[in-house]
């Protein structure tokens, strides 16, 4: 439904643009228009969904010993991270004739409270027991746990606007190609109560702290390329309606080390997903040099990731006894309102 809504708005932009195609201009039309804006935004992230599915274990592929633990699947809803989360942030835009710079920074603090419906074996950065630091913890079945993620996100885009259609003070249509990146940085905390000891799991055995309090950091930067368009319609002498839509392709190739996971088990990560966005905005002229702007933006992400062992000699694979490779699917929807000034 969300994807359909984004595509529908993009289609409306294209259809209504037909009436202004008669006059083509070089670059974006900036006559009688304010070119810099800054605004505060707030909203919610919802429809969080995803699954981690273990596939094969490198050592077993080459005929080595089995892990004595079958592959498992984990979903976000099972772990409790499917609840809505509030988001706040700032956005900035600067328009020139042939390029436009957009920056958007936001913060979210999703939390989780749950009861493990089976044993959860988790890799972390640090979980302490008896004065020692470990990299793995197990949340036993029936254990009450909670946690939170402090997430900082940055969207940066450079829109390339070679042409536009229409005339100043009339309906205008501006298509673009955009280049940019999406950055995600954060730290997490998981509280499963006081640690009760250390158990061993896998083959060869690894030390897992039973319950405990774990923490770590995660982060990624991924480039994006896409297309979009803006339809700008004057409603009166002082009020203008602005409708935008874009579709972007986001790709990331790196390693699990970039996500705060132990380098001893470092694997390659390939992420491939699409973004869809639609934005409605009103511009109200306060005077000749300043506008009040407000509106809302709907954003949808949908994609998949492959976590695979890096190519290594067989003797190194036998020595490392790596964990299972994984397939990951995920999606996220956000609805953000904003208000600010344009001058």
C-alpha atoms as a PDB file:
ATOM      1  CA  UNK A   1       0.000   0.000   0.000  1.00  0.00           C
ATOM      2  CA  UNK A   2       2.775   2.438   0.907  1.00  0.00           C
ATOM      3  CA  UNK A   3       4.695   1.634  -2.264  1.00  0.00           C
ATOM      4  CA  UNK A   4       1.513   2.111  -4.304  1.00  0.00           C
ATOM      5  CA  UNK A   5       0.919   5.521  -2.699  1.00  0.00           C
ATOM      6  CA  UNK A   6       4.442   6.690  -3.549  1.00  0.00           C
ATOM      7  CA  UNK A   7       4.134   5.543  -7.156  1.00  0.00           C
ATOM      8  CA  UNK A   8       0.686   7.141  -7.434  1.00  0.00           C
ATOM      9  CA  UNK A   9       2.015  10.528  -6.358  1.00  0.00           C
ATOM     10  CA  UNK A  10       4.908  10.181  -8.795  1.00  0.00           C
ATOM     11  CA  UNK A  11       2.400   9.387 -11.556  1.00  0.00           C
ATOM     12  CA  UNK A  12       0.285  12.442 -10.660  1.00  0.00           C
ATOM     13  CA  UNK A  13       3.417  14.594 -10.957  1.00  0.00           C
ATOM     14  CA  UNK A  14       4.109  13.200 -14.430  1.00  0.00           C
ATOM     15  CA  UNK A  15       0.520  13.513 -15.682  1.00  0.00           C
ATOM     16  CA  UNK A  16      -0.025  17.069 -14.486  1.00  0.00           C
ATOM     17  CA  UNK A  17       3.338  18.077 -15.862  1.00  0.00           C
ATOM     18  CA  UNK A  18       1.982  17.623 -19.372  1.00  0.00           C
ATOM     19  CA  UNK A  19       0.304  21.020 -19.269  1.00  0.00           C
ATOM     20  CA  UNK A  20       3.605  22.844 -18.738  1.00  0.00           C
ATOM     21  CA  UNK A  21       5.831  21.010 -21.190  1.00  0.00           C
ATOM     22  CA  UNK A  22       5.247  23.647 -23.855  1.00  0.00           C
ATOM     23  CA  UNK A  23       7.993  25.880 -22.440  1.00  0.00           C
ATOM     24  CA  UNK A  24      11.357  24.293 -21.697  1.00  0.00           C
ATOM     25  CA  UNK A  25      14.049  26.059 -19.667  1.00  0.00           C
ATOM     26  CA  UNK A  26      17.688  25.384 -18.920  1.00  0.00           C
ATOM     27  CA  UNK A  27      17.914  24.247 -15.319  1.00  0.00           C
ATOM     28  CA  UNK A  28      15.504  24.924 -12.469  1.00  0.00           C
ATOM     29  CA  UNK A  29      13.371  28.079 -12.604  1.00  0.00           C
ATOM     30  CA  UNK A  30      14.423  30.266  -9.649  1.00  0.00           C
ATOM     31  CA  UNK A  31      12.852  33.594 -10.653  1.00  0.00           C
ATOM     32  CA  UNK A  32      10.892  35.084  -7.716  1.00  0.00           C
ATOM     33  CA  UNK A  33      11.712  32.032  -5.611  1.00  0.00           C
ATOM     34  CA  UNK A  34      13.589  31.671  -2.297  1.00  0.00           C
ATOM     35  CA  UNK A  35      16.472  29.212  -2.682  1.00  0.00           C
ATOM     36  CA  UNK A  36      17.508  28.176   0.836  1.00  0.00           C
ATOM     37  CA  UNK A  37      15.356  26.463   3.457  1.00  0.00           C
ATOM     38  CA  UNK A  38      15.794  24.950   6.886  1.00  0.00           C
ATOM     39  CA  UNK A  39      13.116  23.137   8.847  1.00  0.00           C
ATOM     40  CA  UNK A  40      12.498  20.967  11.886  1.00  0.00           C
ATOM     41  CA  UNK A  41      10.800  17.620  11.432  1.00  0.00           C
ATOM     42  CA  UNK A  42       9.169  14.959  13.527  1.00  0.00           C
ATOM     43  CA  UNK A  43       7.311  11.768  12.844  1.00  0.00           C
ATOM     44  CA  UNK A  44       7.264   8.033  13.255  1.00  0.00           C
ATOM     45  CA  UNK A  45       8.942   4.938  11.860  1.00  0.00           C
ATOM     46  CA  UNK A  46       6.509   2.043  11.527  1.00  0.00           C
ATOM     47  CA  UNK A  47       5.885  -1.195   9.618  1.00  0.00           C
ATOM     48  CA  UNK A  48       9.300  -2.404  10.738  1.00  0.00           C
ATOM     49  CA  UNK A  49       9.665  -5.913   9.410  1.00  0.00           C
ATOM     50  CA  UNK A  50      12.500  -8.230   8.570  1.00  0.00           C
ATOM     51  CA  UNK A  51      13.954 -11.691   8.934  1.00  0.00           C
ATOM     52  CA  UNK A  52      17.390 -13.239   9.333  1.00  0.00           C
ATOM     53  CA  UNK A  53      17.584 -16.710   7.795  1.00  0.00           C
ATOM     54  CA  UNK A  54      20.687 -18.847   8.329  1.00  0.00           C
ATOM     55  CA  UNK A  55      21.689 -20.778   5.188  1.00  0.00           C
ATOM     56  CA  UNK A  56      24.977 -22.704   5.038  1.00  0.00           C
ATOM     57  CA  UNK A  57      28.105 -22.949   7.175  1.00  0.00           C
ATOM     58  CA  UNK A  58      31.407 -22.705   5.243  1.00  0.00           C
ATOM     59  CA  UNK A  59      33.121 -25.486   7.166  1.00  0.00           C
ATOM     60  CA  UNK A  60      30.284 -27.904   6.415  1.00  0.00           C
ATOM     61  CA  UNK A  61      30.383 -27.015   2.708  1.00  0.00           C
ATOM     62  CA  UNK A  62      33.967 -28.314   2.468  1.00  0.00           C
ATOM     63  CA  UNK A  63      33.114 -31.473   4.427  1.00  0.00           C
ATOM     64  CA  UNK A  64      34.233 -30.357   7.884  1.00  0.00           C
ATOM     65  CA  UNK A  65      32.493 -31.102  11.207  1.00  0.00           C
ATOM     66  CA  UNK A  66      28.912 -29.972  11.686  1.00  0.00           C
ATOM     67  CA  UNK A  67      28.009 -27.225  14.134  1.00  0.00           C
ATOM     68  CA  UNK A  68      25.694 -29.481  16.185  1.00  0.00           C
ATOM     69  CA  UNK A  69      23.262 -26.554  15.966  1.00  0.00           C
ATOM     70  CA  UNK A  70      20.815 -26.408  13.051  1.00  0.00           C
ATOM     71  CA  UNK A  71      20.325 -23.203  11.042  1.00  0.00           C
ATOM     72  CA  UNK A  72      17.758 -20.884  12.575  1.00  0.00           C
ATOM     73  CA  UNK A  73      15.579 -17.963  11.546  1.00  0.00           C
ATOM     74  CA  UNK A  74      14.979 -14.756  13.478  1.00  0.00           C
ATOM     75  CA  UNK A  75      12.363 -12.121  12.687  1.00  0.00           C
ATOM     76  CA  UNK A  76      12.194  -8.563  14.003  1.00  0.00           C
ATOM     77  CA  UNK A  77       8.695  -9.174  15.325  1.00  0.00           C
ATOM     78  CA  UNK A  78       9.909 -12.240  17.234  1.00  0.00           C
ATOM     79  CA  UNK A  79      12.622 -10.179  18.917  1.00  0.00           C
ATOM     80  CA  UNK A  80      10.164  -7.365  19.628  1.00  0.00           C
ATOM     81  CA  UNK A  81      11.568  -4.613  17.369  1.00  0.00           C
ATOM     82  CA  UNK A  82       8.373  -4.230  15.332  1.00  0.00           C
ATOM     83  CA  UNK A  83       6.938  -1.405  17.450  1.00  0.00           C
ATOM     84  CA  UNK A  84       6.585   2.151  16.140  1.00  0.00           C
ATOM     85  CA  UNK A  85       9.406   4.567  16.996  1.00  0.00           C
ATOM     86  CA  UNK A  86       9.373   8.371  17.129  1.00  0.00           C
ATOM     87  CA  UNK A  87      11.829  10.293  14.938  1.00  0.00           C
ATOM     88  CA  UNK A  88      13.017  13.906  15.174  1.00  0.00           C
ATOM     89  CA  UNK A  89      15.461  15.803  13.005  1.00  0.00           C
ATOM     90  CA  UNK A  90      16.484  18.762  10.867  1.00  0.00           C
ATOM     91  CA  UNK A  91      16.494  19.227   7.103  1.00  0.00           C
ATOM     92  CA  UNK A  92      18.183  21.736   4.829  1.00  0.00           C
ATOM     93  CA  UNK A  93      17.941  22.482   1.111  1.00  0.00           C
ATOM     94  CA  UNK A  94      19.886  24.832  -1.135  1.00  0.00           C
ATOM     95  CA  UNK A  95      18.821  25.271  -4.764  1.00  0.00           C
ATOM     96  CA  UNK A  96      20.931  26.447  -7.644  1.00  0.00           C
ATOM     97  CA  UNK A  97      19.941  26.460 -11.288  1.00  0.00           C
ATOM     98  CA  UNK A  98      21.368  23.086 -12.282  1.00  0.00           C
ATOM     99  CA  UNK A  99      21.993  21.407  -8.921  1.00  0.00           C
ATOM    100  CA  UNK A 100      20.218  21.224  -5.562  1.00  0.00           C
ATOM    101  CA  UNK A 101      21.732  20.056  -2.292  1.00  0.00           C
ATOM    102  CA  UNK A 102      19.482  18.293   0.244  1.00  0.00           C
ATOM    103  CA  UNK A 103      20.599  17.241   3.728  1.00  0.00           C
ATOM    104  CA  UNK A 104      18.420  15.522   6.321  1.00  0.00           C
ATOM    105  CA  UNK A 105      19.580  14.359   9.743  1.00  0.00           C
ATOM    106  CA  UNK A 106      17.339  12.439  12.134  1.00  0.00           C
ATOM    107  CA  UNK A 107      17.390  10.562  15.422  1.00  0.00           C
ATOM    108  CA  UNK A 108      15.310   7.592  16.595  1.00  0.00           C
ATOM    109  CA  UNK A 109      15.358   5.569  19.793  1.00  0.00           C
ATOM    110  CA  UNK A 110      13.443   2.313  19.215  1.00  0.00           C
ATOM    111  CA  UNK A 111      13.051   0.124  22.288  1.00  0.00           C
ATOM    112  CA  UNK A 112      12.119  -3.479  22.887  1.00  0.00           C
ATOM    113  CA  UNK A 113      10.585  -5.362  25.789  1.00  0.00           C
ATOM    114  CA  UNK A 114      10.027  -9.072  25.394  1.00  0.00           C
ATOM    115  CA  UNK A 115      10.173 -12.596  26.662  1.00  0.00           C
ATOM    116  CA  UNK A 116      12.393 -15.060  24.794  1.00  0.00           C
ATOM    117  CA  UNK A 117      10.199 -17.784  23.294  1.00  0.00           C
ATOM    118  CA  UNK A 118      13.325 -19.876  22.690  1.00  0.00           C
ATOM    119  CA  UNK A 119      17.057 -19.602  23.370  1.00  0.00           C
ATOM    120  CA  UNK A 120      18.496 -16.563  21.591  1.00  0.00           C
ATOM    121  CA  UNK A 121      22.253 -16.837  20.861  1.00  0.00           C
ATOM    122  CA  UNK A 122      23.506 -13.337  20.027  1.00  0.00           C
ATOM    123  CA  UNK A 123      26.835 -11.869  18.954  1.00  0.00           C
ATOM    124  CA  UNK A 124      27.591  -8.501  20.612  1.00  0.00           C
ATOM    125  CA  UNK A 125      30.557  -6.190  21.162  1.00  0.00           C
ATOM    126  CA  UNK A 126      30.757  -6.521  24.921  1.00  0.00           C
ATOM    127  CA  UNK A 127      28.938  -8.446  27.643  1.00  0.00           C
ATOM    128  CA  UNK A 128      30.591  -8.744  31.042  1.00  0.00           C
ATOM    129  CA  UNK A 129      30.689 -11.595  33.559  1.00  0.00           C
ATOM    130  CA  UNK A 130      32.900 -11.997  36.621  1.00  0.00           C
ATOM    131  CA  UNK A 131      35.087  -9.076  35.569  1.00  0.00           C
ATOM    132  CA  UNK A 132      35.696 -10.441  32.060  1.00  0.00           C
ATOM    133  CA  UNK A 133      34.436  -9.233  28.701  1.00  0.00           C
ATOM    134  CA  UNK A 134      32.818 -11.619  26.185  1.00  0.00           C
ATOM    135  CA  UNK A 135      31.506 -11.309  22.645  1.00  0.00           C
ATOM    136  CA  UNK A 136      28.491 -13.624  22.844  1.00  0.00           C
ATOM    137  CA  UNK A 137      25.443 -13.919  25.052  1.00  0.00           C
ATOM    138  CA  UNK A 138      22.478 -16.275  25.293  1.00  0.00           C
ATOM    139  CA  UNK A 139      19.025 -15.171  26.383  1.00  0.00           C
ATOM    140  CA  UNK A 140      17.429 -18.412  27.636  1.00  0.00           C
ATOM    141  CA  UNK A 141      13.871 -19.311  26.756  1.00  0.00           C
ATOM    142  CA  UNK A 142      11.395 -17.622  29.116  1.00  0.00           C
ATOM    143  CA  UNK A 143      13.804 -14.784  30.058  1.00  0.00           C
ATOM    144  CA  UNK A 144      12.420 -11.245  30.242  1.00  0.00           C
ATOM    145  CA  UNK A 145      14.677  -8.801  28.402  1.00  0.00           C
ATOM    146  CA  UNK A 146      14.665  -5.224  27.164  1.00  0.00           C
ATOM    147  CA  UNK A 147      16.879  -3.052  25.032  1.00  0.00           C
ATOM    148  CA  UNK A 148      17.138   0.074  22.962  1.00  0.00           C
ATOM    149  CA  UNK A 149      18.970   1.462  19.939  1.00  0.00           C
ATOM    150  CA  UNK A 150      20.040   5.098  19.661  1.00  0.00           C
ATOM    151  CA  UNK A 151      20.071   5.569  15.898  1.00  0.00           C
ATOM    152  CA  UNK A 152      21.423   8.578  13.998  1.00  0.00           C
ATOM    153  CA  UNK A 153      20.569   8.775  10.288  1.00  0.00           C
ATOM    154  CA  UNK A 154      21.776  11.089   7.545  1.00  0.00           C
ATOM    155  CA  UNK A 155      20.339  11.410   4.044  1.00  0.00           C
ATOM    156  CA  UNK A 156      22.366  13.522   1.605  1.00  0.00           C
ATOM    157  CA  UNK A 157      21.410  14.072  -2.016  1.00  0.00           C
ATOM    158  CA  UNK A 158      22.689  16.170  -4.895  1.00  0.00           C
ATOM    159  CA  UNK A 159      19.930  16.708  -7.446  1.00  0.00           C
ATOM    160  CA  UNK A 160      21.001  17.378 -11.023  1.00  0.00           C
ATOM    161  CA  UNK A 161      18.353  19.487 -12.798  1.00  0.00           C
ATOM    162  CA  UNK A 162      19.319  19.964 -16.471  1.00  0.00           C
ATOM    163  CA  UNK A 163      15.912  21.277 -17.629  1.00  0.00           C
ATOM    164  CA  UNK A 164      12.538  22.408 -16.344  1.00  0.00           C
ATOM    165  CA  UNK A 165       9.172  23.137 -17.936  1.00  0.00           C
ATOM    166  CA  UNK A 166       6.815  26.062 -17.376  1.00  0.00           C
ATOM    167  CA  UNK A 167       7.303  29.730 -16.579  1.00  0.00           C
ATOM    168  CA  UNK A 168       7.898  31.890 -13.473  1.00  0.00           C
ATOM    169  CA  UNK A 169       4.742  32.437 -11.398  1.00  0.00           C
ATOM    170  CA  UNK A 170       3.013  29.573 -13.250  1.00  0.00           C
ATOM    171  CA  UNK A 171       2.930  25.809 -12.833  1.00  0.00           C
ATOM    172  CA  UNK A 172       6.430  24.368 -13.287  1.00  0.00           C
ATOM    173  CA  UNK A 173       7.759  20.838 -13.608  1.00  0.00           C
ATOM    174  CA  UNK A 174      11.389  19.986 -12.768  1.00  0.00           C
ATOM    175  CA  UNK A 175      12.771  16.449 -13.288  1.00  0.00           C
ATOM    176  CA  UNK A 176      16.108  15.385 -11.854  1.00  0.00           C
ATOM    177  CA  UNK A 177      18.679  12.663 -11.436  1.00  0.00           C
ATOM    178  CA  UNK A 178      20.103  12.453  -7.959  1.00  0.00           C
ATOM    179  CA  UNK A 179      23.291  11.148  -6.379  1.00  0.00           C
ATOM    180  CA  UNK A 180      23.690  10.733  -2.663  1.00  0.00           C
ATOM    181  CA  UNK A 181      24.217   8.464   0.298  1.00  0.00           C
ATOM    182  CA  UNK A 182      22.393   7.136   3.326  1.00  0.00           C
ATOM    183  CA  UNK A 183      24.297   6.902   6.597  1.00  0.00           C
ATOM    184  CA  UNK A 184      23.217   5.001   9.699  1.00  0.00           C
ATOM    185  CA  UNK A 185      25.124   5.123  12.976  1.00  0.00           C
ATOM    186  CA  UNK A 186      24.049   3.992  16.407  1.00  0.00           C
ATOM    187  CA  UNK A 187      24.707   2.153  19.613  1.00  0.00           C
ATOM    188  CA  UNK A 188      22.598  -0.545  21.227  1.00  0.00           C
ATOM    189  CA  UNK A 189      22.024  -1.929  24.714  1.00  0.00           C
ATOM    190  CA  UNK A 190      20.435  -5.249  25.673  1.00  0.00           C
ATOM    191  CA  UNK A 191      19.471  -6.023  29.269  1.00  0.00           C
ATOM    192  CA  UNK A 192      18.598  -9.630  30.117  1.00  0.00           C
ATOM    193  CA  UNK A 193      19.188  -9.301  33.850  1.00  0.00           C
ATOM    194  CA  UNK A 194      22.210 -10.293  35.912  1.00  0.00           C
ATOM    195  CA  UNK A 195      24.628 -12.681  34.255  1.00  0.00           C
ATOM    196  CA  UNK A 196      24.322 -16.220  35.594  1.00  0.00           C
ATOM    197  CA  UNK A 197      27.487 -17.782  34.239  1.00  0.00           C
ATOM    198  CA  UNK A 198      29.074 -18.901  31.003  1.00  0.00           C
ATOM    199  CA  UNK A 199      28.001 -21.784  28.768  1.00  0.00           C
ATOM    200  CA  UNK A 200      29.566 -23.170  25.625  1.00  0.00           C
ATOM    201  CA  UNK A 201      27.840 -23.553  22.285  1.00  0.00           C
ATOM    202  CA  UNK A 202      28.772 -24.507  18.708  1.00  0.00           C
ATOM    203  CA  UNK A 203      31.589 -26.683  17.403  1.00  0.00           C
ATOM    204  CA  UNK A 204      34.265 -25.823  18.379  1.00  0.00           C
ATOM    205  CA  UNK A 205      32.670 -24.471  21.579  1.00  0.00           C
ATOM    206  CA  UNK A 206      32.498 -20.742  22.175  1.00  0.00           C
ATOM    207  CA  UNK A 207      31.805 -18.959  25.438  1.00  0.00           C
ATOM    208  CA  UNK A 208      28.309 -17.464  25.753  1.00  0.00           C
ATOM    209  CA  UNK A 209      27.342 -15.418  28.807  1.00  0.00           C
ATOM    210  CA  UNK A 210      23.983 -16.551  30.169  1.00  0.00           C
ATOM    211  CA  UNK A 211      21.776 -13.452  30.346  1.00  0.00           C
ATOM    212  CA  UNK A 212      23.694 -10.288  31.274  1.00  0.00           C
ATOM    213  CA  UNK A 213      23.874  -6.760  29.876  1.00  0.00           C
ATOM    214  CA  UNK A 214      25.388  -6.258  26.429  1.00  0.00           C
ATOM    215  CA  UNK A 215      26.265  -3.218  24.361  1.00  0.00           C
ATOM    216  CA  UNK A 216      27.844  -2.323  21.060  1.00  0.00           C
ATOM    217  CA  UNK A 217      27.876  -0.010  18.052  1.00  0.00           C
ATOM    218  CA  UNK A 218      26.559  -0.326  14.517  1.00  0.00           C
ATOM    219  CA  UNK A 219      26.987   1.783  11.399  1.00  0.00           C
ATOM    220  CA  UNK A 220      26.960   1.890   7.633  1.00  0.00           C
ATOM    221  CA  UNK A 221      27.240   4.313   4.727  1.00  0.00           C
ATOM    222  CA  UNK A 222      25.651   3.387   1.403  1.00  0.00           C
ATOM    223  CA  UNK A 223      25.626   5.299  -1.901  1.00  0.00           C
ATOM    224  CA  UNK A 224      22.373   5.989  -3.728  1.00  0.00           C
ATOM    225  CA  UNK A 225      21.383   6.938  -7.269  1.00  0.00           C
ATOM    226  CA  UNK A 226      17.873   7.691  -8.458  1.00  0.00           C
ATOM    227  CA  UNK A 227      15.390   9.853 -10.338  1.00  0.00           C
ATOM    228  CA  UNK A 228      12.663  12.224  -9.233  1.00  0.00           C
ATOM    229  CA  UNK A 229      10.584  15.261 -10.087  1.00  0.00           C
ATOM    230  CA  UNK A 230       8.861  18.305  -8.620  1.00  0.00           C
ATOM    231  CA  UNK A 231       5.517  19.832  -9.597  1.00  0.00           C
ATOM    232  CA  UNK A 232       5.083  23.395  -8.286  1.00  0.00           C
ATOM    233  CA  UNK A 233       1.631  24.972  -8.531  1.00  0.00           C
ATOM    234  CA  UNK A 234       0.824  28.571  -7.441  1.00  0.00           C
ATOM    235  CA  UNK A 235      -2.524  28.603  -5.588  1.00  0.00           C
ATOM    236  CA  UNK A 236      -2.591  32.358  -5.051  1.00  0.00           C
ATOM    237  CA  UNK A 237      -0.262  35.330  -5.055  1.00  0.00           C
ATOM    238  CA  UNK A 238       1.263  34.222  -1.747  1.00  0.00           C
ATOM    239  CA  UNK A 239       0.621  30.460  -1.523  1.00  0.00           C
ATOM    240  CA  UNK A 240       2.308  27.741  -3.592  1.00  0.00           C
ATOM    241  CA  UNK A 241       1.729  23.986  -3.538  1.00  0.00           C
ATOM    242  CA  UNK A 242       4.749  21.739  -4.088  1.00  0.00           C
ATOM    243  CA  UNK A 243       4.559  18.001  -4.850  1.00  0.00           C
ATOM    244  CA  UNK A 244       7.719  15.871  -5.112  1.00  0.00           C
ATOM    245  CA  UNK A 245       8.481  12.200  -5.640  1.00  0.00           C
ATOM    246  CA  UNK A 246      11.622  10.145  -6.106  1.00  0.00           C
ATOM    247  CA  UNK A 247      12.807   6.576  -6.486  1.00  0.00           C
ATOM    248  CA  UNK A 248      16.334   5.629  -5.424  1.00  0.00           C
ATOM    249  CA  UNK A 249      18.532   2.562  -5.578  1.00  0.00           C
ATOM    250  CA  UNK A 250      20.654   2.001  -2.514  1.00  0.00           C
ATOM    251  CA  UNK A 251      23.639  -0.362  -2.603  1.00  0.00           C
ATOM    252  CA  UNK A 252      26.211  -1.229   0.031  1.00  0.00           C
ATOM    253  CA  UNK A 253      29.100  -3.670  -0.070  1.00  0.00           C
ATOM    254  CA  UNK A 254      31.235  -4.114   3.019  1.00  0.00           C
ATOM    255  CA  UNK A 255      31.762  -6.461   5.928  1.00  0.00           C
ATOM    256  CA  UNK A 256      30.179  -7.364   9.239  1.00  0.00           C
ATOM    257  CA  UNK A 257      33.052  -5.546  10.926  1.00  0.00           C
ATOM    258  CA  UNK A 258      31.351  -2.300   9.856  1.00  0.00           C
ATOM    259  CA  UNK A 259      28.390  -3.254  12.065  1.00  0.00           C
ATOM    260  CA  UNK A 260      30.328  -3.819  15.268  1.00  0.00           C
ATOM    261  CA  UNK A 261      30.550  -7.623  14.960  1.00  0.00           C
ATOM    262  CA  UNK A 262      33.717  -9.471  15.920  1.00  0.00           C
ATOM    263  CA  UNK A 263      36.331  -9.394  13.162  1.00  0.00           C
ATOM    264  CA  UNK A 264      37.185 -13.018  13.965  1.00  0.00           C
ATOM    265  CA  UNK A 265      33.958 -13.972  12.228  1.00  0.00           C
ATOM    266  CA  UNK A 266      34.064 -11.201   9.652  1.00  0.00           C
ATOM    267  CA  UNK A 267      31.919 -11.871   6.603  1.00  0.00           C
ATOM    268  CA  UNK A 268      31.109  -9.979   3.458  1.00  0.00           C
ATOM    269  CA  UNK A 269      27.830  -8.045   3.326  1.00  0.00           C
ATOM    270  CA  UNK A 270      25.971  -7.062   0.149  1.00  0.00           C
ATOM    271  CA  UNK A 271      22.886  -4.901   0.591  1.00  0.00           C
ATOM    272  CA  UNK A 272      20.515  -4.098  -2.259  1.00  0.00           C
ATOM    273  CA  UNK A 273      17.290  -2.168  -1.768  1.00  0.00           C
ATOM    274  CA  UNK A 274      15.022   0.461  -3.226  1.00  0.00           C
ATOM    275  CA  UNK A 275      13.686   3.641  -1.654  1.00  0.00           C
ATOM    276  CA  UNK A 276      10.434   5.374  -2.517  1.00  0.00           C
ATOM    277  CA  UNK A 277       9.535   8.849  -1.322  1.00  0.00           C
ATOM    278  CA  UNK A 278       6.725  11.363  -1.820  1.00  0.00           C
ATOM    279  CA  UNK A 279       6.531  14.850  -0.307  1.00  0.00           C
ATOM    280  CA  UNK A 280       3.736  17.425  -0.076  1.00  0.00           C
ATOM    281  CA  UNK A 281       4.688  20.994   0.837  1.00  0.00           C
ATOM    282  CA  UNK A 282       3.050  24.409   1.049  1.00  0.00           C
ATOM    283  CA  UNK A 283       4.988  27.662   0.697  1.00  0.00           C
ATOM    284  CA  UNK A 284       3.401  30.798   2.192  1.00  0.00           C
ATOM    285  CA  UNK A 285       5.123  34.119   1.483  1.00  0.00           C
ATOM    286  CA  UNK A 286       5.675  36.122   4.686  1.00  0.00           C
ATOM    287  CA  UNK A 287       7.395  38.972   2.864  1.00  0.00           C
ATOM    288  CA  UNK A 288       9.545  39.467  -0.220  1.00  0.00           C
ATOM    289  CA  UNK A 289      12.505  37.658   1.356  1.00  0.00           C
ATOM    290  CA  UNK A 290      10.999  34.857   3.441  1.00  0.00           C
ATOM    291  CA  UNK A 291       8.459  32.017   3.164  1.00  0.00           C
ATOM    292  CA  UNK A 292       6.894  29.775   5.748  1.00  0.00           C
ATOM    293  CA  UNK A 293       7.030  26.159   4.612  1.00  0.00           C
ATOM    294  CA  UNK A 294       5.289  23.084   6.030  1.00  0.00           C
ATOM    295  CA  UNK A 295       4.265  19.677   4.829  1.00  0.00           C
ATOM    296  CA  UNK A 296       4.858  15.952   5.150  1.00  0.00           C
ATOM    297  CA  UNK A 297       6.978  13.246   3.548  1.00  0.00           C
ATOM    298  CA  UNK A 298       6.291   9.539   3.233  1.00  0.00           C
ATOM    299  CA  UNK A 299       9.355   7.314   2.919  1.00  0.00           C
ATOM    300  CA  UNK A 300       9.525   3.577   2.242  1.00  0.00           C
ATOM    301  CA  UNK A 301      12.570   1.264   2.151  1.00  0.00           C
ATOM    302  CA  UNK A 302      12.490  -2.331   0.995  1.00  0.00           C
ATOM    303  CA  UNK A 303      15.435  -4.633   0.420  1.00  0.00           C
ATOM    304  CA  UNK A 304      17.553  -7.640   1.117  1.00  0.00           C
ATOM    305  CA  UNK A 305      21.088  -8.454   2.203  1.00  0.00           C
ATOM    306  CA  UNK A 306      23.426 -11.400   1.831  1.00  0.00           C
ATOM    307  CA  UNK A 307      25.968 -12.152   4.564  1.00  0.00           C
ATOM    308  CA  UNK A 308      28.574 -14.533   3.188  1.00  0.00           C
ATOM    309  CA  UNK A 309      31.937 -15.857   4.317  1.00  0.00           C
ATOM    310  CA  UNK A 310      34.842 -14.306   2.486  1.00  0.00           C
ATOM    311  CA  UNK A 311      36.923 -16.502   0.205  1.00  0.00           C
ATOM    312  CA  UNK A 312      39.622 -18.242   2.243  1.00  0.00           C
ATOM    313  CA  UNK A 313      41.836 -21.331   1.898  1.00  0.00           C
ATOM    314  CA  UNK A 314      40.291 -24.533   3.268  1.00  0.00           C
ATOM    315  CA  UNK A 315      42.784 -24.750   6.140  1.00  0.00           C
ATOM    316  CA  UNK A 316      41.792 -21.246   7.262  1.00  0.00           C
ATOM    317  CA  UNK A 317      38.102 -22.151   7.033  1.00  0.00           C
ATOM    318  CA  UNK A 318      38.751 -25.195   9.227  1.00  0.00           C
ATOM    319  CA  UNK A 319      40.641 -23.071  11.755  1.00  0.00           C
ATOM    320  CA  UNK A 320      38.045 -20.291  11.975  1.00  0.00           C
ATOM    321  CA  UNK A 321      34.935 -22.522  12.178  1.00  0.00           C
ATOM    322  CA  UNK A 322      32.802 -19.629  10.951  1.00  0.00           C
ATOM    323  CA  UNK A 323      29.124 -19.178  11.752  1.00  0.00           C
ATOM    324  CA  UNK A 324      26.327 -19.713   9.237  1.00  0.00           C
ATOM    325  CA  UNK A 325      25.979 -17.480   6.208  1.00  0.00           C
ATOM    326  CA  UNK A 326      22.707 -15.543   6.274  1.00  0.00           C
ATOM    327  CA  UNK A 327      20.022 -14.020   4.081  1.00  0.00           C
ATOM    328  CA  UNK A 328      18.319 -10.923   5.459  1.00  0.00           C
ATOM    329  CA  UNK A 329      15.133  -9.197   4.324  1.00  0.00           C
ATOM    330  CA  UNK A 330      13.823  -5.931   5.713  1.00  0.00           C
ATOM    331  CA  UNK A 331      11.455  -3.027   5.155  1.00  0.00           C
ATOM    332  CA  UNK A 332      10.732   0.246   6.921  1.00  0.00           C
ATOM    333  CA  UNK A 333       8.204   3.040   6.481  1.00  0.00           C
ATOM    334  CA  UNK A 334       8.433   6.542   7.914  1.00  0.00           C
ATOM    335  CA  UNK A 335       6.022   9.460   7.891  1.00  0.00           C
ATOM    336  CA  UNK A 336       7.557  12.813   8.742  1.00  0.00           C
ATOM    337  CA  UNK A 337       5.969  16.222   9.186  1.00  0.00           C
ATOM    338  CA  UNK A 338       8.083  19.381   8.929  1.00  0.00           C
ATOM    339  CA  UNK A 339       7.854  23.154   9.359  1.00  0.00           C
ATOM    340  CA  UNK A 340      10.458  25.787   8.643  1.00  0.00           C
ATOM    341  CA  UNK A 341      11.531  28.889   6.770  1.00  0.00           C
ATOM    342  CA  UNK A 342      12.643  29.494   3.202  1.00  0.00           C
ATOM    343  CA  UNK A 343      14.691  32.554   2.322  1.00  0.00           C
END
